[in-house]
N, C-alpha and C. Protein backbone atom coordinates (compact mmCIF):
# COMPACT_ATOMS: atom_id res chain seq x y z
N MET A 1 99.83 136.06 119.55
CA MET A 1 99.61 134.73 120.20
C MET A 1 99.38 133.63 118.98
N ASN A 2 100.36 132.70 118.89
CA ASN A 2 100.30 131.79 117.85
C ASN A 2 99.99 130.33 118.45
N TYR A 3 98.85 129.80 118.17
CA TYR A 3 98.55 128.51 118.74
C TYR A 3 97.83 127.63 117.69
N ARG A 4 98.05 126.34 117.83
CA ARG A 4 97.47 125.44 116.92
C ARG A 4 96.28 124.65 117.55
N ILE A 5 95.23 124.38 116.82
CA ILE A 5 94.23 123.64 117.27
C ILE A 5 94.48 122.18 116.70
N ARG A 6 94.75 121.19 117.58
CA ARG A 6 95.01 119.78 116.98
C ARG A 6 94.02 119.29 116.23
N SER A 7 92.65 119.50 116.59
CA SER A 7 91.62 118.90 115.92
C SER A 7 91.63 119.38 114.49
N MET A 8 91.80 120.65 114.22
CA MET A 8 91.94 121.21 112.94
C MET A 8 93.03 120.53 112.15
N ASP A 9 94.28 120.29 112.68
CA ASP A 9 95.43 119.54 112.04
C ASP A 9 94.97 118.11 111.72
N PHE A 10 94.12 117.53 112.59
CA PHE A 10 93.71 116.12 112.31
C PHE A 10 92.77 116.12 111.14
N LEU A 11 91.84 117.05 111.13
CA LEU A 11 90.80 117.14 110.02
C LEU A 11 91.66 117.49 108.70
N ARG A 12 92.62 118.22 108.74
CA ARG A 12 93.48 118.68 107.69
C ARG A 12 93.98 117.37 106.97
N ALA A 13 94.73 116.52 107.98
CA ALA A 13 95.30 115.35 107.57
C ALA A 13 94.37 114.35 107.02
N VAL A 14 93.11 114.33 107.65
CA VAL A 14 92.05 113.39 106.99
C VAL A 14 91.71 113.76 105.55
N ALA A 15 91.60 115.22 105.26
CA ALA A 15 91.31 115.65 104.06
C ALA A 15 92.35 115.25 103.08
N ILE A 16 93.62 115.44 103.52
CA ILE A 16 94.82 115.17 102.53
C ILE A 16 94.77 113.72 102.18
N LEU A 17 94.59 112.79 103.26
CA LEU A 17 94.53 111.38 102.95
C LEU A 17 93.37 111.07 102.06
N LEU A 18 92.21 111.56 102.20
CA LEU A 18 91.15 111.24 101.30
C LEU A 18 91.45 111.66 99.88
N VAL A 19 92.15 112.72 99.61
CA VAL A 19 92.41 113.13 98.29
C VAL A 19 93.54 112.16 97.64
N ILE A 20 94.50 111.77 98.52
CA ILE A 20 95.56 110.84 98.19
C ILE A 20 94.89 109.50 97.78
N LEU A 21 94.11 109.05 98.63
CA LEU A 21 93.56 107.68 98.45
C LEU A 21 92.69 107.68 97.13
N ALA A 22 91.98 108.78 96.92
CA ALA A 22 91.18 108.85 95.66
C ALA A 22 92.12 108.82 94.42
N HIS A 23 93.16 109.61 94.40
CA HIS A 23 94.07 109.59 93.20
C HIS A 23 94.65 108.33 93.10
N THR A 24 95.12 107.66 94.18
CA THR A 24 95.70 106.36 94.01
C THR A 24 94.68 105.24 93.59
N SER A 25 93.54 105.27 93.99
CA SER A 25 92.64 104.32 93.52
C SER A 25 92.17 104.63 92.05
N LEU A 26 92.06 105.87 91.59
CA LEU A 26 91.69 106.07 90.36
C LEU A 26 92.86 105.79 89.38
N SER A 27 94.10 105.81 89.92
CA SER A 27 95.28 105.54 89.06
C SER A 27 95.32 104.06 88.67
N TYR A 28 94.69 103.14 89.34
CA TYR A 28 94.50 101.64 89.12
C TYR A 28 93.33 101.48 88.32
N GLY A 29 92.47 102.35 87.86
CA GLY A 29 91.30 102.17 87.10
C GLY A 29 90.10 102.16 88.21
N ARG A 30 88.92 101.84 87.51
CA ARG A 30 87.73 101.92 88.39
C ARG A 30 87.38 100.45 88.70
N PHE A 31 88.13 99.83 89.50
CA PHE A 31 87.74 98.56 90.05
C PHE A 31 86.65 98.63 91.08
N PRO A 32 85.67 97.75 91.11
CA PRO A 32 84.64 97.79 92.15
C PRO A 32 85.10 97.91 93.58
N SER A 33 86.20 97.02 93.73
CA SER A 33 86.80 97.00 95.07
C SER A 33 87.36 98.32 95.60
N LEU A 34 87.82 99.18 94.65
CA LEU A 34 88.43 100.45 95.11
C LEU A 34 87.36 101.57 94.97
N VAL A 35 86.21 101.36 94.82
CA VAL A 35 85.15 102.48 95.00
C VAL A 35 85.07 102.98 96.31
N PRO A 36 85.10 102.36 97.44
CA PRO A 36 85.04 102.95 98.83
C PRO A 36 86.24 103.94 98.96
N LEU A 37 87.28 103.94 98.19
CA LEU A 37 88.48 104.77 98.51
C LEU A 37 88.34 106.11 97.68
N GLN A 38 87.24 106.24 97.01
CA GLN A 38 87.09 107.48 96.03
C GLN A 38 86.36 108.62 96.75
N PHE A 39 86.81 109.10 97.83
CA PHE A 39 86.29 110.28 98.49
C PHE A 39 87.04 111.44 98.35
N GLY A 40 87.81 111.64 97.20
CA GLY A 40 88.67 112.85 96.99
C GLY A 40 87.85 114.08 96.98
N GLY A 41 86.62 114.05 96.52
CA GLY A 41 85.85 115.33 96.42
C GLY A 41 85.53 115.71 97.76
N THR A 42 85.22 114.75 98.63
CA THR A 42 84.88 115.06 100.00
C THR A 42 86.10 115.64 100.89
N GLY A 43 87.29 115.15 100.43
CA GLY A 43 88.55 115.71 101.03
C GLY A 43 88.83 117.07 100.57
N VAL A 44 88.62 117.37 99.43
CA VAL A 44 88.68 118.75 98.87
C VAL A 44 87.66 119.69 99.53
N ASP A 45 86.42 119.17 99.66
CA ASP A 45 85.42 120.05 100.29
C ASP A 45 85.78 120.27 101.84
N LEU A 46 86.31 119.34 102.39
CA LEU A 46 86.70 119.43 103.86
C LEU A 46 87.84 120.55 103.99
N PHE A 47 88.74 120.37 103.12
CA PHE A 47 89.89 121.27 103.01
C PHE A 47 89.40 122.79 102.78
N PHE A 48 88.49 122.95 101.89
CA PHE A 48 87.97 124.33 101.74
C PHE A 48 87.23 124.87 102.83
N VAL A 49 86.42 123.97 103.50
CA VAL A 49 85.78 124.47 104.79
C VAL A 49 86.75 124.83 105.77
N LEU A 50 87.80 124.04 106.03
CA LEU A 50 88.82 124.38 107.00
C LEU A 50 89.36 125.79 106.65
N SER A 51 89.78 125.84 105.44
CA SER A 51 90.42 127.14 105.04
C SER A 51 89.52 128.30 105.30
N GLY A 52 88.31 128.21 104.85
CA GLY A 52 87.32 129.13 105.10
C GLY A 52 87.04 129.60 106.53
N TRP A 53 87.18 128.49 107.39
CA TRP A 53 86.94 128.86 108.85
C TRP A 53 88.12 129.49 109.34
N LEU A 54 89.40 129.12 108.99
CA LEU A 54 90.64 129.79 109.38
C LEU A 54 90.61 131.19 108.84
N LEU A 55 90.32 131.41 107.66
CA LEU A 55 90.38 132.90 107.17
C LEU A 55 89.37 133.77 107.89
N GLY A 56 88.13 133.15 108.05
CA GLY A 56 87.00 133.87 108.84
C GLY A 56 87.46 134.29 110.24
N CYS A 57 88.09 133.29 110.89
CA CYS A 57 88.65 133.66 112.22
C CYS A 57 89.60 134.79 112.13
N GLN A 58 90.46 134.78 111.24
CA GLN A 58 91.51 135.89 111.21
C GLN A 58 90.80 137.29 110.86
N LEU A 59 89.82 137.19 110.13
CA LEU A 59 89.10 138.35 109.78
C LEU A 59 88.37 138.86 111.03
N PHE A 60 87.69 138.00 111.72
CA PHE A 60 86.96 138.39 113.03
C PHE A 60 87.84 138.93 114.06
N LYS A 61 89.01 138.22 114.17
CA LYS A 61 90.02 138.61 115.06
C LYS A 61 90.45 140.08 114.81
N GLU A 62 90.67 140.40 113.47
CA GLU A 62 91.07 141.84 113.27
C GLU A 62 90.01 142.74 113.39
N LEU A 63 88.71 142.38 113.18
CA LEU A 63 87.57 143.11 113.42
C LEU A 63 87.55 143.53 114.77
N ASN A 64 87.66 142.48 115.62
CA ASN A 64 87.58 142.76 117.18
C ASN A 64 88.74 143.63 117.62
N LYS A 65 89.85 143.38 117.08
CA LYS A 65 90.99 144.22 117.55
C LYS A 65 91.03 145.72 117.05
N HIS A 66 90.61 145.99 115.74
CA HIS A 66 90.71 147.25 115.19
C HIS A 66 89.39 147.92 114.84
N ASN A 67 88.22 147.16 115.10
CA ASN A 67 86.95 147.59 114.74
C ASN A 67 86.64 147.82 113.30
N THR A 68 87.52 147.40 112.44
CA THR A 68 87.52 147.37 111.05
C THR A 68 88.37 146.35 110.48
N ILE A 69 88.01 146.08 109.20
CA ILE A 69 89.03 145.05 108.45
C ILE A 69 89.61 145.77 107.36
N ASN A 70 90.89 145.77 107.26
CA ASN A 70 91.63 146.36 106.22
C ASN A 70 91.97 145.27 105.18
N ILE A 71 91.27 145.38 104.15
CA ILE A 71 91.32 144.26 103.09
C ILE A 71 92.74 144.12 102.45
N LYS A 72 93.25 145.34 102.18
CA LYS A 72 94.53 145.43 101.58
C LYS A 72 95.65 144.75 102.56
N ARG A 73 95.59 145.05 103.89
CA ARG A 73 96.51 144.46 104.70
C ARG A 73 96.27 142.96 104.98
N PHE A 74 94.92 142.53 104.85
CA PHE A 74 94.64 141.15 104.92
C PHE A 74 95.24 140.39 103.74
N TRP A 75 95.11 140.90 102.49
CA TRP A 75 95.53 140.15 101.31
C TRP A 75 97.05 140.09 101.23
N VAL A 76 97.82 141.27 101.71
CA VAL A 76 99.11 141.39 101.79
C VAL A 76 99.72 140.23 102.75
N ARG A 77 99.09 140.17 103.87
CA ARG A 77 99.41 139.06 104.85
C ARG A 77 99.17 137.73 104.23
N ARG A 78 98.10 137.45 103.54
CA ARG A 78 97.86 136.12 102.85
C ARG A 78 99.00 135.84 101.83
N TRP A 79 99.25 136.88 101.04
CA TRP A 79 100.36 136.62 99.95
C TRP A 79 101.74 136.36 100.59
N MET A 80 102.02 137.13 101.62
CA MET A 80 103.36 136.94 102.33
C MET A 80 103.38 135.52 102.98
N ARG A 81 102.16 134.99 103.26
CA ARG A 81 102.17 133.66 103.89
C ARG A 81 102.32 132.53 102.87
N THR A 82 101.70 132.78 101.62
CA THR A 82 101.66 131.71 100.59
C THR A 82 102.70 131.79 99.60
N LEU A 83 103.35 133.10 99.39
CA LEU A 83 104.37 133.31 98.32
C LEU A 83 105.60 132.39 98.58
N PRO A 84 106.06 132.12 99.74
CA PRO A 84 107.37 131.38 99.81
C PRO A 84 107.13 129.93 99.41
N ALA A 85 105.87 129.45 99.28
CA ALA A 85 105.71 128.09 98.81
C ALA A 85 105.91 128.03 97.19
N TYR A 86 105.71 129.10 96.69
CA TYR A 86 105.89 129.11 95.17
C TYR A 86 107.33 129.31 94.81
């Protein structure tokens, strides 16, 4: 069962926009008018929290299904998911 949680996609988009805005505002220097746009660290934190939640849900789903967590299988699945991006 593959489903998406739209609110998670929205939060992921907010995190990405915060990082992009921070990098854009920093590329123009540290002008006082651009200080409100420098929430890049918050965007990174949000992205890591969302990633941790997603990975935790996958681990709990495997634990409920098999009554154990196969770490090797988990890491192989993660690598197969991220390797094509490289």
